[in-house]
Amino acid sequence: MRSFIERIDYFKGNDPEELAKKFGTPLYVYNEDIIRDRMTKVANVITKYPYRANYSCKTNTNLSVLKIAIETGLNADAMSEGEMRMLLKAGFTPDRIFYVCNNVSADEMKFAIDNGITVSLDSLDQLKLFGSINRGGSCSVRINPGVGAGHHEKVVTAGKKTKFGISEEDIDSIFKIAAEYDLKITGINQHVGSQFLDPAPFLAAVDNLLRIAMRFKDLEFIDFGGGYGIPYHKLDDEKEFDMDQFSREFTAKLDRFVAEYGSAPLFKSEPGRFCVAEGGVILGRVYSIKENSGIKYVGTDVGMNVLVRPSMYDSWHDIEIIRNGSVVGREDGLMEKVTVCGNICESGDVLCKDRELPVVKDDDLICVLDAGAYGYSMCSSYNTRLRPAEVLITSDGTAKLIRRRETFDDMFALYDFT
């Protein structure tokens, strides 16, 4: 099978070895065309009714990526004051930002209020806090629809075992608090989880939220959340999320709701991963190959500080091997079972275990696929290692540095040496 990065010409004529030498490894490399394509797809999930896709910027907050989101017509979700500031800096106007907060301070809420950004509250306590600092204001409430979905329990954000949202049995309390503080509930929102390729749980949650929406009068919007998955096992021909079929089933449910509700509020979704995951890879260098107790370890500079998903979620990322600028083929039979790990002093610092890969050599590059979402945004400086650079392969094939590599001076700048 031909490699993914060769089949789609991921680097658009740029030699990955030259990129690695110029910008250093580990290195995040994004493909503008892929990101634009995925963002355009989510922007058109619903075309029959007023609809807006809100890019969930926690997946990737690079300013260049955020600007692409603006250009493709997406709005954006924010989970913190920092994300709101990033979105404003990128050029999003306040009316295109939705602040979906969780257990935050009055000061952080006030930043959103002062900047004209719509706030979603996901507990009765937080709704009271909002009312106490913004009496007579408007807001949204996050409902737990009772249905969750996702590839790992840590990314399921609805159902009975999650910290998110207000339960349906507490909806009467929402109305009481709103009346107490003269609040207008302009929207309701939910999020069932992340990385589902089977849309059935999401669509079940849509049914539930639309049923709940009937209890709210004059809603300006209903936000169904997101979580559309991508094929992380693409080297094994895993099928893509069927967006066309999903859109048809989604629209049919909205048809029934609009007929009963009497009007069509603005419908929203909150895709994040789908927009950017496939548009990002990590290039890392192989520095060590050894065998311990019959296990062959390939040691690289892609540690859990650079990509934490495999350590945190047991997530799968396809890996391709690059030697002298070209992908080492998988079809010639020279394969071996290896464990690929990073350079962090933790036993859990493993990218993959017992993975069949082409025979790896020292100084090869590894290319970790589908790293555009929850990659750099979850980077850390653990072991006092530097965060990597980010490069964007633009539509015309230019390799553009969109975030420089962190330096030790950057780290020391945070300290007071007096």
Protein backbone atom coordinates (compact mmCIF):
# COMPACT_ATOMS: atom_id res chain seq x y z
CA MET A 1 0.00 0.00 0.00
CA ARG A 2 1.33 3.42 -0.95
CA SER A 3 2.03 5.70 1.98
CA PHE A 4 -0.54 8.26 3.01
CA ILE A 5 1.82 11.24 2.89
CA GLU A 6 3.05 10.25 -0.59
CA ARG A 7 -0.40 9.45 -1.94
CA ILE A 8 -1.74 12.92 -1.14
CA ASP A 9 1.62 14.72 -1.57
CA TYR A 10 1.31 15.98 2.00
CA PHE A 11 4.49 18.06 1.90
CA LYS A 12 3.66 19.51 -1.56
CA GLY A 13 7.14 18.98 -2.97
CA ASN A 14 9.03 19.97 0.17
CA ASP A 15 11.65 17.47 1.32
CA PRO A 16 10.73 16.46 4.91
CA GLU A 17 14.41 15.92 5.67
CA GLU A 18 15.17 19.49 4.67
CA LEU A 19 12.26 20.73 6.81
CA ALA A 20 13.64 18.79 9.76
CA LYS A 21 17.13 20.21 9.27
CA LYS A 22 15.89 23.79 8.83
CA PHE A 23 13.38 23.94 11.68
CA GLY A 24 14.64 21.16 13.96
CA THR A 25 12.84 18.15 15.36
CA PRO A 26 10.41 17.41 16.76
CA LEU A 27 8.45 19.54 14.30
CA TYR A 28 4.74 20.06 13.71
CA VAL A 29 3.92 20.40 10.00
CA TYR A 30 0.43 21.42 8.82
CA ASN A 31 -1.11 21.21 5.34
CA GLU A 32 -3.26 24.24 4.54
CA ASP A 33 -5.28 22.55 1.79
CA ILE A 34 -6.35 19.66 4.03
CA ILE A 35 -7.38 22.00 6.84
CA ARG A 36 -9.38 24.20 4.47
CA ASP A 37 -11.10 21.15 2.97
CA ARG A 38 -12.16 19.75 6.34
CA MET A 39 -13.31 23.14 7.63
CA THR A 40 -15.38 23.66 4.49
CA LYS A 41 -17.04 20.28 5.00
CA VAL A 42 -18.14 21.06 8.55
CA ALA A 43 -19.31 24.52 7.49
CA ASN A 44 -21.83 22.83 5.20
CA VAL A 45 -23.18 20.05 7.40
CA ILE A 46 -26.60 21.77 7.38
CA THR A 47 -27.67 23.84 4.40
CA LYS A 48 -31.47 23.81 4.65
CA TYR A 49 -31.70 25.88 7.84
CA PRO A 50 -29.73 28.70 9.45
CA TYR A 51 -26.55 26.96 10.57
CA ARG A 52 -23.08 27.79 11.82
CA ALA A 53 -20.17 25.51 12.68
CA ASN A 54 -18.16 26.69 15.67
CA TYR A 55 -14.54 25.57 15.42
CA SER A 56 -13.53 24.21 18.83
CA CYS A 57 -10.25 26.04 19.13
CA LYS A 58 -8.91 23.96 22.03
CA THR A 59 -7.89 21.43 19.35
CA ASN A 60 -5.40 23.86 17.80
CA THR A 61 -5.03 27.53 18.71
CA ASN A 62 -2.27 28.52 16.31
CA LEU A 63 -3.16 31.97 15.00
CA SER A 64 -2.58 30.93 11.39
CA VAL A 65 -5.02 28.04 11.79
CA LEU A 66 -7.57 30.33 13.43
CA LYS A 67 -7.32 32.72 10.50
CA ILE A 68 -8.06 29.86 8.10
CA ALA A 69 -11.17 29.13 10.18
CA ILE A 70 -12.30 32.73 9.77
CA GLU A 71 -11.70 32.60 6.02
CA THR A 72 -13.72 29.40 5.63
CA GLY A 73 -16.70 30.95 7.44
CA LEU A 74 -16.48 29.19 10.77
CA ASN A 75 -17.32 30.70 14.12
CA ALA A 76 -15.41 29.48 17.18
CA ASP A 77 -15.80 28.04 20.65
CA ALA A 78 -13.59 29.06 23.54
CA MET A 79 -13.07 27.31 26.87
CA SER A 80 -10.98 29.93 28.66
CA GLU A 81 -10.03 33.60 28.75
CA GLY A 82 -6.81 32.67 26.96
CA GLU A 83 -8.73 31.08 24.09
CA MET A 84 -11.05 34.07 23.88
CA ARG A 85 -8.03 36.36 23.66
CA MET A 86 -6.46 34.17 20.97
CA LEU A 87 -9.66 34.26 18.91
CA LEU A 88 -9.97 38.02 19.22
CA LYS A 89 -6.30 38.37 18.28
CA ALA A 90 -6.86 36.20 15.20
CA GLY A 91 -9.66 38.49 14.05
CA PHE A 92 -12.85 36.82 15.26
CA THR A 93 -15.46 39.40 16.21
CA PRO A 94 -17.20 38.83 19.57
CA ASP A 95 -20.43 37.76 17.90
CA ARG A 96 -18.55 34.86 16.29
CA ILE A 97 -17.21 33.53 19.60
CA PHE A 98 -19.10 31.23 21.97
CA TYR A 99 -17.59 30.90 25.46
CA VAL A 100 -18.41 27.39 26.76
CA CYS A 101 -17.00 27.60 30.26
CA ASN A 102 -16.61 25.01 33.00
CA ASN A 103 -16.05 25.83 36.68
CA VAL A 104 -14.63 29.32 36.13
CA SER A 105 -14.29 32.47 38.18
CA ALA A 106 -16.44 35.57 38.06
CA ASP A 107 -13.48 37.49 36.63
CA GLU A 108 -13.22 35.13 33.68
CA MET A 109 -16.96 35.34 33.02
CA LYS A 110 -16.71 39.11 33.26
CA PHE A 111 -14.07 39.16 30.51
CA ALA A 112 -16.57 37.50 28.18
CA ILE A 113 -19.42 39.77 29.28
CA ASP A 114 -17.34 42.95 28.89
CA ASN A 115 -16.29 41.87 25.40
CA GLY A 116 -19.80 41.02 24.22
CA ILE A 117 -19.14 37.26 23.96
CA THR A 118 -22.06 34.86 24.52
CA VAL A 119 -21.55 32.65 27.57
CA SER A 120 -22.74 29.09 28.14
CA LEU A 121 -23.20 27.99 31.77
CA ASP A 122 -22.96 24.30 32.63
CA SER A 123 -24.13 24.21 36.25
CA LEU A 124 -26.80 25.87 38.35
CA ASP A 125 -24.10 27.42 40.55
CA GLN A 126 -22.37 28.97 37.55
CA LEU A 127 -25.71 30.24 36.25
CA LYS A 128 -26.29 31.97 39.61
CA LEU A 129 -22.78 33.44 39.50
CA PHE A 130 -23.40 34.77 36.02
CA GLY A 131 -26.69 36.30 37.14
CA SER A 132 -25.05 37.95 40.14
CA ILE A 133 -22.52 39.80 37.96
CA ASN A 134 -24.74 40.37 34.91
CA ARG A 135 -28.33 40.80 36.09
CA GLY A 136 -30.68 41.18 33.14
CA GLY A 137 -28.17 39.65 30.74
CA SER A 138 -28.49 36.89 28.14
CA CYS A 139 -26.78 33.51 28.15
CA SER A 140 -26.92 29.90 27.08
CA VAL A 141 -27.08 26.80 29.26
CA ARG A 142 -25.28 23.55 28.62
CA ILE A 143 -27.55 20.54 28.93
CA ASN A 144 -26.35 17.01 29.67
CA PRO A 145 -28.47 15.06 27.15
CA GLY A 146 -27.95 11.77 28.96
CA VAL A 147 -26.08 10.25 25.99
CA GLY A 148 -22.30 10.15 25.63
CA ALA A 149 -19.90 9.00 22.92
CA GLY A 150 -16.16 8.89 22.28
CA HIS A 151 -13.08 6.76 21.76
CA HIS A 152 -12.07 6.82 25.46
CA GLU A 153 -13.91 7.46 28.72
CA LYS A 154 -11.84 10.61 29.24
CA VAL A 155 -13.34 12.26 26.13
CA VAL A 156 -16.98 11.35 26.78
CA THR A 157 -18.61 14.63 27.82
CA ALA A 158 -22.22 13.62 28.42
CA GLY A 159 -24.14 10.84 30.12
CA LYS A 160 -24.21 9.76 33.73
CA LYS A 161 -20.45 9.79 34.45
CA THR A 162 -19.26 13.23 33.44
CA LYS A 163 -18.73 16.60 35.08
CA PHE A 164 -20.34 18.52 32.19
CA GLY A 165 -23.77 20.02 31.75
CA ILE A 166 -27.01 20.51 33.66
CA SER A 167 -29.19 17.42 33.99
CA GLU A 168 -32.65 17.39 32.49
CA GLU A 169 -34.25 17.02 35.92
CA ASP A 170 -32.79 20.44 36.85
CA ILE A 171 -34.33 22.37 33.96
CA ASP A 172 -37.08 23.83 36.18
CA SER A 173 -34.29 25.21 38.40
CA ILE A 174 -32.78 26.89 35.34
CA PHE A 175 -36.01 28.76 34.81
CA LYS A 176 -36.22 29.75 38.51
CA ILE A 177 -32.66 31.12 38.54
CA ALA A 178 -33.24 32.95 35.27
CA ALA A 179 -36.35 34.60 36.73
CA GLU A 180 -34.49 35.49 39.95
CA TYR A 181 -31.75 37.34 38.05
CA ASP A 182 -33.90 38.50 35.13
CA LEU A 183 -31.79 36.47 32.70
CA LYS A 184 -32.79 35.61 29.16
CA ILE A 185 -31.88 32.08 28.07
CA THR A 186 -31.17 32.60 24.37
CA GLY A 187 -29.67 29.21 23.59
CA ILE A 188 -29.03 25.69 24.76
CA ASN A 189 -26.02 23.57 23.94
CA GLN A 190 -24.60 20.10 24.48
CA HIS A 191 -21.51 18.07 23.69
CA VAL A 192 -21.65 14.27 23.81
CA GLY A 193 -17.96 13.50 23.31
CA SER A 194 -15.12 13.29 20.84
CA GLN A 195 -13.89 11.04 18.01
CA PHE A 196 -16.95 9.04 17.03
CA LEU A 197 -17.13 7.51 13.56
CA ASP A 198 -20.57 6.01 14.19
CA PRO A 199 -22.99 8.97 14.28
CA ALA A 200 -25.78 7.01 16.01
CA PRO A 201 -25.05 8.17 19.61
CA PHE A 202 -24.72 11.78 18.44
CA LEU A 203 -28.00 11.62 16.52
CA ALA A 204 -29.70 10.08 19.56
CA ALA A 205 -28.45 13.04 21.59
CA VAL A 206 -29.80 15.38 18.90
CA ASP A 207 -33.25 13.84 19.36
CA ASN A 208 -32.99 14.27 23.10
CA LEU A 209 -31.82 17.88 22.95
CA LEU A 210 -34.54 18.80 20.46
CA ARG A 211 -37.12 17.25 22.79
CA ILE A 212 -35.69 19.30 25.66
CA ALA A 213 -35.65 22.42 23.49
CA MET A 214 -39.43 22.30 23.32
CA ARG A 215 -39.44 23.39 26.98
CA PHE A 216 -37.60 26.63 26.12
CA LYS A 217 -39.41 29.52 24.46
CA ASP A 218 -38.01 31.71 21.69
CA LEU A 219 -34.58 30.12 21.49
CA GLU A 220 -32.19 32.02 19.27
CA PHE A 221 -29.91 29.01 18.79
CA ILE A 222 -29.47 25.33 19.55
CA ASP A 223 -25.91 24.01 19.64
CA PHE A 224 -25.54 20.24 19.23
CA GLY A 225 -21.82 20.02 19.96
CA GLY A 226 -19.45 18.01 17.83
CA GLY A 227 -16.99 15.18 18.01
CA TYR A 228 -17.01 13.96 14.39
CA GLY A 229 -14.22 11.43 14.10
CA ILE A 230 -11.38 10.92 11.66
CA PRO A 231 -9.78 7.63 10.50
CA TYR A 232 -6.68 7.32 12.69
CA HIS A 233 -6.07 3.84 11.21
CA LYS A 234 -5.88 5.18 7.67
CA LEU A 235 -2.88 2.99 6.73
CA ASP A 236 -5.26 0.05 7.29
CA ASP A 237 -7.93 1.73 5.11
CA GLU A 238 -10.23 2.69 7.97
CA LYS A 239 -13.34 4.34 6.55
CA GLU A 240 -13.88 8.07 6.88
CA PHE A 241 -16.81 9.64 8.70
CA ASP A 242 -19.72 9.60 6.24
CA MET A 243 -20.54 13.30 6.33
CA ASP A 244 -23.10 13.15 3.50
CA GLN A 245 -25.22 10.44 5.12
CA PHE A 246 -24.84 12.12 8.50
CA SER A 247 -26.06 15.42 7.07
CA ARG A 248 -29.14 13.79 5.58
CA GLU A 249 -30.11 12.10 8.85
CA PHE A 250 -29.36 15.26 10.84
CA THR A 251 -31.47 17.43 8.54
CA ALA A 252 -34.43 15.02 8.74
CA LYS A 253 -34.46 15.40 12.53
CA LEU A 254 -34.39 19.17 12.23
CA ASP A 255 -37.31 19.01 9.78
CA ARG A 256 -39.48 17.35 12.41
CA PHE A 257 -38.40 19.77 15.12
CA VAL A 258 -39.00 22.93 13.06
CA ALA A 259 -42.46 21.73 12.11
CA GLU A 260 -43.36 21.26 15.78
CA TYR A 261 -41.49 24.26 17.24
CA GLY A 262 -42.91 26.61 14.63
CA SER A 263 -39.63 28.25 13.67
CA ALA A 264 -36.01 27.47 12.90
CA PRO A 265 -33.52 28.96 15.36
CA LEU A 266 -29.89 29.08 14.39
CA PHE A 267 -28.50 25.56 14.57
CA LYS A 268 -24.87 25.07 15.55
CA SER A 269 -22.28 22.34 15.93
CA GLU A 270 -18.83 22.38 17.53
CA PRO A 271 -16.37 20.35 15.41
CA GLY A 272 -12.73 20.62 16.32
CA ARG A 273 -10.73 17.47 15.68
CA PHE A 274 -12.34 16.88 12.26
CA CYS A 275 -11.19 20.32 11.11
CA VAL A 276 -7.47 19.94 11.82
CA ALA A 277 -6.42 16.45 12.89
CA GLU A 278 -5.60 15.11 9.43
CA GLY A 279 -3.99 18.40 8.50
CA GLY A 280 -1.09 17.99 10.93
CA VAL A 281 1.86 15.61 11.31
CA ILE A 282 4.92 15.48 13.56
CA LEU A 283 8.40 14.87 12.23
CA GLY A 284 10.75 13.33 14.77
CA ARG A 285 14.27 11.90 14.68
CA VAL A 286 15.31 8.35 15.62
CA TYR A 287 18.25 8.52 18.04
CA SER A 288 18.36 5.05 19.55
CA ILE A 289 17.43 1.48 18.70
CA LYS A 290 17.81 -1.25 21.31
CA GLU A 291 16.32 -4.51 22.55
CA ASN A 292 15.21 -5.18 26.12
CA SER A 293 13.81 -8.60 27.07
CA GLY A 294 12.86 -9.42 23.50
CA ILE A 295 11.21 -6.05 22.83
CA LYS A 296 12.76 -3.78 20.23
CA TYR A 297 12.57 -0.12 21.20
CA VAL A 298 12.87 2.73 18.73
CA GLY A 299 13.85 5.85 20.65
CA THR A 300 12.85 9.23 19.20
CA ASP A 301 12.59 12.88 20.21
CA VAL A 302 8.77 12.79 20.00
CA GLY A 303 8.11 12.53 23.71
CA MET A 304 4.84 12.72 25.60
CA ASN A 305 5.58 16.41 26.11
CA VAL A 306 5.18 16.85 22.33
CA LEU A 307 2.22 14.49 21.80
CA VAL A 308 0.48 13.32 24.97
CA ARG A 309 -2.53 11.57 23.39
CA PRO A 310 -1.01 8.04 23.26
CA SER A 311 0.06 8.26 26.92
CA MET A 312 -3.17 9.85 28.13
CA TYR A 313 -5.79 8.07 26.01
CA ASP A 314 -3.96 5.04 24.56
CA SER A 315 -4.60 6.76 21.26
CA TRP A 316 -3.47 5.28 17.96
CA HIS A 317 -1.46 7.38 15.50
CA ASP A 318 -0.24 5.85 12.27
CA ILE A 319 3.52 6.22 11.81
CA GLU A 320 5.49 6.35 8.59
CA ILE A 321 9.28 6.04 8.33
CA ILE A 322 11.24 8.53 6.20
CA ARG A 323 14.82 7.91 5.09
CA ASN A 324 16.80 10.33 2.94
CA GLY A 325 13.64 12.33 2.25
CA SER A 326 11.54 9.37 1.02
CA VAL A 327 9.02 7.14 2.76
CA VAL A 328 10.24 3.63 3.48
CA GLY A 329 7.74 1.30 1.81
CA ARG A 330 5.63 -1.20 3.73
CA GLU A 331 5.07 -3.50 0.78
CA ASP A 332 8.56 -4.97 0.37
CA GLY A 333 8.20 -7.37 3.31
CA LEU A 334 10.98 -5.86 5.44
CA MET A 335 8.78 -5.25 8.47
CA GLU A 336 9.41 -5.70 12.17
CA LYS A 337 7.46 -5.36 15.40
CA VAL A 338 8.73 -2.45 17.50
CA THR A 339 7.75 -0.15 20.35
CA VAL A 340 8.29 3.52 19.51
CA CYS A 341 8.98 5.79 22.46
CA GLY A 342 10.10 9.30 23.27
CA ASN A 343 12.84 10.94 25.33
CA ILE A 344 10.88 11.68 28.53
CA CYS A 345 11.77 10.01 31.82
CA GLU A 346 8.44 8.19 32.18
CA SER A 347 7.58 4.56 31.47
CA GLY A 348 4.38 5.79 29.84
CA ASP A 349 6.30 7.82 27.27
CA VAL A 350 5.33 5.51 24.41
CA LEU A 351 3.93 6.42 20.98
CA CYS A 352 3.00 2.84 20.08
CA LYS A 353 3.56 -0.70 21.33
CA ASP A 354 4.30 -3.80 19.26
CA ARG A 355 3.67 -1.93 16.00
CA GLU A 356 4.53 -3.51 12.64
CA LEU A 357 6.76 -0.96 10.88
CA PRO A 358 9.37 -1.04 8.14
CA VAL A 359 12.81 -1.81 9.58
CA VAL A 360 13.94 1.41 11.27
CA LYS A 361 17.50 2.75 11.32
CA ASP A 362 19.25 5.38 13.44
CA ASP A 363 18.79 8.92 12.06
CA ASP A 364 15.57 8.01 10.22
CA LEU A 365 12.65 10.39 10.55
CA ILE A 366 9.34 9.19 11.93
CA CYS A 367 6.23 10.93 10.64
CA VAL A 368 3.36 10.75 13.14
CA LEU A 369 0.09 11.19 11.27
CA ASP A 370 -3.14 12.93 12.29
CA ALA A 371 -1.48 15.13 14.92
CA GLY A 372 -3.13 18.44 14.01
CA ALA A 373 -5.73 18.21 16.79
CA TYR A 374 -4.87 18.03 20.49
CA GLY A 375 -1.20 17.93 19.54
CA TYR A 376 0.61 21.21 20.04
CA SER A 377 -2.30 22.58 22.09
CA MET A 378 -1.53 19.93 24.74
CA CYS A 379 2.27 20.29 24.57
CA SER A 380 4.21 20.85 27.76
CA SER A 381 7.75 21.60 28.86
CA TYR A 382 7.94 18.47 31.02
CA ASN A 383 11.54 17.42 31.72
CA THR A 384 12.29 21.06 30.81
CA ARG A 385 12.18 20.21 27.13
CA LEU A 386 11.43 22.89 24.59
CA ARG A 387 8.16 23.09 22.72
CA PRO A 388 8.61 22.48 18.99
CA ALA A 389 8.15 24.81 16.04
CA GLU A 390 5.08 24.75 13.80
CA VAL A 391 5.28 25.01 10.01
CA LEU A 392 2.42 25.47 7.55
CA ILE A 393 2.68 24.08 4.02
CA THR A 394 0.62 26.73 2.25
CA SER A 395 -1.60 26.14 -0.78
CA ASP A 396 1.21 27.30 -3.08
CA GLY A 397 3.68 24.87 -1.50
CA THR A 398 5.60 27.36 0.64
CA ALA A 399 6.86 26.04 3.98
CA LYS A 400 5.95 28.90 6.31
CA LEU A 401 7.12 29.08 9.92
CA ILE A 402 3.99 29.93 11.92
CA ARG A 403 5.44 29.45 15.40
CA ARG A 404 9.14 29.36 16.18
CA ARG A 405 10.72 26.73 18.36
CA GLU A 406 10.77 27.63 22.05
CA THR A 407 14.14 28.62 23.52
CA PHE A 408 15.62 28.27 26.97
CA ASP A 409 15.57 32.07 27.18
CA ASP A 410 11.77 31.85 26.80
CA MET A 411 11.64 29.57 29.84
CA PHE A 412 13.95 31.70 31.95
CA ALA A 413 11.96 34.86 31.09
CA LEU A 414 9.17 33.72 33.44
CA TYR A 415 11.41 33.79 36.53
CA ASP A 416 12.31 36.61 38.87
CA PHE A 417 16.06 36.38 39.51
CA THR A 418 16.22 39.29 41.95
